[in-house]
Amino acid sequence: MRALRHLFAPSSARLFPEPLLRRVAAAIAASEARHAGEICFAVEAALPLRLALVDHRPRERALEVFARLRVWDTEANNGVLVYMLLADHAIEIVADRGFNGRVDTEAWAAICRDLEQAMRAGDTEAGVLRAVDAISALLERHFPRREGYVDTNELPDRPHML
């Protein structure tokens, strides 16, 4: 049953048309102007069938995407990935090791729950933008910009449509 859901999942472009992708990218860019962290957003309509057939879990896939997009490769180890697997209605946040001991899992889970609720209510854009704002607040608190900070924008602001 799960494999069929992934095989016949609709395109992510329906929920994330080009104008929304531009607005999310702008929100991430504005967010990153206020802190020294990096936010990466990735949306995947469905798992590749070979993974869906072996019951690959959304968290496992999020970790793979985190590595593939090199979110772990920021200078301060402060990259955050928001990963959405639409076929499973799953949202995962993977934060780099710079967050260890700073942000507990409940804070990340609350952001995911809010985004999930917004999507169920049919307001994907508001949910995504609130998620960016909530992550930005955590980054501002734990990775504030210091005097002399030079922003190199280590990760693209535009969401990745996988």
Protein backbone atom coordinates (compact mmCIF):
# COMPACT_ATOMS: atom_id res chain seq x y z
CA MET A 1 0.00 0.00 0.00
CA ARG A 2 2.75 2.50 0.95
CA ALA A 3 4.69 1.71 -2.23
CA LEU A 4 1.59 2.48 -4.31
CA ARG A 5 1.15 5.80 -2.51
CA HIS A 6 4.70 6.70 -3.52
CA LEU A 7 4.35 5.36 -7.04
CA PHE A 8 1.25 7.45 -7.75
CA ALA A 9 2.09 10.54 -5.68
CA PRO A 10 1.19 13.80 -7.41
CA SER A 11 3.91 16.21 -8.38
CA SER A 12 5.16 18.53 -5.66
CA ALA A 13 4.77 21.42 -8.12
CA ARG A 14 1.05 21.49 -7.33
CA LEU A 15 1.71 22.42 -3.68
CA PHE A 16 4.86 24.39 -4.45
CA PRO A 17 4.36 26.41 -7.64
CA GLU A 18 7.11 28.75 -8.82
CA PRO A 19 5.74 31.91 -7.12
CA LEU A 20 5.69 30.12 -3.76
CA LEU A 21 9.24 28.86 -4.26
CA ARG A 22 10.35 32.45 -4.87
CA ARG A 23 8.56 33.67 -1.72
CA VAL A 24 10.12 30.90 0.39
CA ALA A 25 13.57 31.72 -1.00
CA ALA A 26 13.02 35.39 -0.16
CA ALA A 27 11.93 34.50 3.38
CA ILE A 28 15.03 32.35 3.88
CA ALA A 29 17.29 35.12 2.53
CA ALA A 30 15.65 37.68 4.84
CA SER A 31 15.99 35.28 7.76
CA GLU A 32 19.65 34.65 7.11
CA ALA A 33 20.31 38.40 7.12
CA ARG A 34 19.49 38.31 10.87
CA HIS A 35 21.74 35.43 12.04
CA ALA A 36 24.82 33.43 11.15
CA GLY A 37 23.02 30.15 10.39
CA GLU A 38 21.85 28.49 7.20
CA ILE A 39 18.37 27.18 6.37
CA CYS A 40 17.80 24.63 3.65
CA PHE A 41 14.34 23.52 2.52
CA ALA A 42 13.72 20.34 0.51
CA VAL A 43 10.46 18.89 -0.79
CA GLU A 44 10.12 15.40 -2.19
CA ALA A 45 6.81 14.22 -3.64
CA ALA A 46 7.60 10.55 -3.10
CA LEU A 47 10.44 8.20 -2.35
CA PRO A 48 12.08 6.39 -5.22
CA LEU A 49 10.19 3.11 -5.56
CA ARG A 50 13.20 1.03 -4.50
CA LEU A 51 13.15 2.82 -1.13
CA ALA A 52 9.37 2.74 -0.72
CA LEU A 53 9.41 -1.02 -1.30
CA VAL A 54 11.80 -1.58 1.61
CA ASP A 55 9.80 0.67 3.93
CA HIS A 56 12.42 3.41 4.07
CA ARG A 57 11.36 5.88 6.77
CA PRO A 58 11.06 9.67 6.28
CA ARG A 59 13.69 10.36 8.97
CA GLU A 60 16.19 8.11 7.20
CA ARG A 61 15.50 9.89 3.94
CA ALA A 62 15.84 13.31 5.59
CA LEU A 63 19.28 12.32 6.87
CA GLU A 64 20.28 11.20 3.37
CA VAL A 65 19.04 14.49 1.88
CA PHE A 66 20.87 16.42 4.63
CA ALA A 67 24.10 14.76 3.51
CA ARG A 68 23.38 14.96 -0.23
CA LEU A 69 22.64 18.68 -0.08
CA ARG A 70 25.71 19.16 2.14
CA VAL A 71 23.77 20.94 4.87
CA TRP A 72 26.35 19.51 7.28
CA ASP A 73 29.11 21.37 5.47
CA THR A 74 28.64 24.89 6.89
CA GLU A 75 31.62 26.50 8.57
CA ALA A 76 29.91 26.80 11.97
CA ASN A 77 28.03 23.47 11.69
CA ASN A 78 24.77 25.39 12.00
CA GLY A 79 22.78 24.32 8.97
CA VAL A 80 19.15 23.29 9.35
CA LEU A 81 17.25 21.17 6.84
CA VAL A 82 13.46 21.19 6.64
CA TYR A 83 12.53 18.07 4.68
CA MET A 84 9.02 17.33 3.46
CA LEU A 85 7.99 13.92 2.08
CA LEU A 86 4.57 14.65 0.63
CA ALA A 87 3.45 11.06 -0.08
CA ASP A 88 3.82 10.23 3.63
CA HIS A 89 2.63 13.63 4.90
CA ALA A 90 5.93 13.71 6.77
CA ILE A 91 8.03 16.67 7.83
CA GLU A 92 11.46 16.27 9.36
CA ILE A 93 13.96 18.81 10.60
CA VAL A 94 17.61 17.85 10.70
CA ALA A 95 19.93 20.27 12.48
CA ASP A 96 23.70 20.08 12.26
CA ARG A 97 25.90 19.22 15.23
CA GLY A 98 26.37 22.88 16.16
CA PHE A 99 22.89 22.69 17.70
CA ASN A 100 23.77 19.81 20.03
CA GLY A 101 22.92 20.83 23.58
CA ARG A 102 21.33 24.08 22.39
CA VAL A 103 17.92 23.14 20.97
CA ASP A 104 15.96 20.16 22.21
CA THR A 105 14.01 17.82 19.96
CA GLU A 106 10.67 19.16 21.21
CA ALA A 107 11.42 22.61 19.78
CA TRP A 108 12.05 21.08 16.35
CA ALA A 109 8.98 18.82 16.69
CA ALA A 110 6.77 21.82 17.50
CA ILE A 111 7.85 23.52 14.26
CA CYS A 112 7.05 20.32 12.32
CA ARG A 113 3.62 20.00 13.97
CA ASP A 114 2.72 23.60 13.13
CA LEU A 115 3.71 23.08 9.50
CA GLU A 116 1.76 19.80 9.34
CA GLN A 117 -1.35 21.51 10.73
CA ALA A 118 -1.08 24.34 8.23
CA MET A 119 -0.78 21.90 5.37
CA ARG A 120 -3.80 19.90 6.57
CA ALA A 121 -5.72 23.17 6.68
CA GLY A 122 -4.67 23.89 3.09
CA ASP A 123 -2.35 26.77 3.94
CA THR A 124 1.04 25.41 2.94
CA GLU A 125 2.56 28.82 2.32
CA ALA A 126 1.70 30.21 5.76
CA GLY A 127 3.00 27.05 7.41
CA VAL A 128 6.29 27.10 5.52
CA LEU A 129 6.83 30.80 6.23
CA ARG A 130 6.06 30.29 9.95
CA ALA A 131 8.54 27.39 10.00
CA VAL A 132 11.22 29.63 8.48
CA ASP A 133 10.45 32.31 11.08
CA ALA A 134 10.56 29.83 13.98
CA ILE A 135 13.87 28.35 12.82
CA SER A 136 15.21 31.86 12.29
CA ALA A 137 14.33 32.75 15.90
CA LEU A 138 16.34 29.74 17.11
CA LEU A 139 19.25 30.68 14.88
CA GLU A 140 19.16 34.30 16.06
CA ARG A 141 19.31 33.11 19.66
CA HIS A 142 22.07 30.52 19.22
CA PHE A 143 24.01 31.88 16.23
CA PRO A 144 23.61 35.66 16.26
CA ARG A 145 25.51 37.81 13.82
CA ARG A 146 28.59 39.29 15.44
CA GLU A 147 30.34 42.49 14.53
CA GLY A 148 32.48 41.93 11.48
CA TYR A 149 30.51 38.83 10.39
CA VAL A 150 30.76 38.25 6.66
CA ASP A 151 27.83 36.30 5.22
CA THR A 152 28.89 33.85 2.54
CA ASN A 153 25.43 32.26 2.11
CA GLU A 154 26.78 28.74 2.22
CA LEU A 155 23.52 27.06 1.15
CA PRO A 156 21.08 28.08 -1.58
CA ASP A 157 17.97 29.88 -0.33
CA ARG A 158 15.72 28.40 -3.00
CA PRO A 159 13.90 25.24 -1.92
CA HIS A 160 15.11 22.00 -3.47
CA MET A 161 12.41 20.09 -5.30
CA LEU A 162 13.68 16.53 -5.25
